[in-house]
């Protein structure tokens, strides 16, 4: 474990890549090169991610996909293809079985008990009937200043997305390339935007409180969580920066994804495989607990029994940091770190809690087109193909 001060003092060599992005306002956040990035592009953690080709060892289907027939079986995975305009249905044993066009560069997704998926794309929030495997609607954003519809990590449009406990509203974090983002509230009955609320910069993740009264938008580039009252749209900003905010938009040490702890509603935000921020959204106070993976971290989920799963994407600096991994952390803070092969982004867990599905899409360079399937009892892993640069993932289940 490195001394905590080692990262607080440096931004690991920031450079400007504004020409590649084509927007002067984005140039400030366009990259932070470091040892360990294979092509000099910046990581999602520090704000830069040029499009990259899949790794050479990315798994590919070896046989034609079977034709879809009726409703997808329980346990089928749905992934957002950030490198395409689709979501892909994936058999966790056999690989992709079908795909549906949803809109440019889908990022996060969430599935309700009615089998409808809500997918945050660059163009709007797509509504997908997962039983019939078809897009029902595309709800356009009301946020201004999103720029042209395009791909890449800095594209305007939806990022994190969450569903209210009662299923009546969807909340999507919308990235505005020139500044702070918004949280758009969508009525799931009318499929219309009913509120647009200012939040932090680049809302990577969105979570909802257990009672549905608050939404939490994690602002990656503003080092914060914005707490939104779902009844009044009033907001509170809480800074989340256990390493400080030095480096600003070029820093690697920012919040990415969060999970609501089932036992008490606190938010859990991992940093660098070293620190877990436990945030009380009511008081704004936080505590920091030790983590052990020693790697840059992105996707997070919490199971009903309080187990926390955290995706380690790989090292910022290979001379100091450990490689990609999945941390399995029990509610009493005991951790098991399962090594993974190659970078990953997000994670979902099977209904029985025995298997984790970790997407290889990654917002940084070096992504691959597949999923790592992890046996949580044994730590055994295997890889299956899964769409194009898969990011968000959900497990389909019957009501």
Foldseek 3Di string as FASTA:
>chain_A
DDDLLVQLVDLAAWDFDCVLVVDPLLRLQAAHAHAPAPPRFHAVLLRHADDADADPPFDDQPDDAAADDFADDFQWKWFFFQVAQWIFTADPVRGTRDIEGFGHRWAAWDADQQQWIWIKALAATWIARRRVGYTDDGEGDPDPQQDDRDGALLHWIWAAKDAAPVRQWIWTWTARNNAWIWIWIAGPVVRYTDDIATDGHRQNHKDAFPNRQWIWTFHSQVQWIWIAGPVPRDIDIAHHFPSDQPPRSRHSFGWAYWEQFLPPRWIWTDTQQAWIWTADVVVSDIDIDGGHQRAGWHAWYADNQRWIKIWGFQHSHVVRGGGTWIWTAHNVGDIDTQDDDHGFHYWDAHPVRQKIWTAQLGSHYNGHAWIWIAGPVPSDIDIHGGHHSTHYMDGDDHD
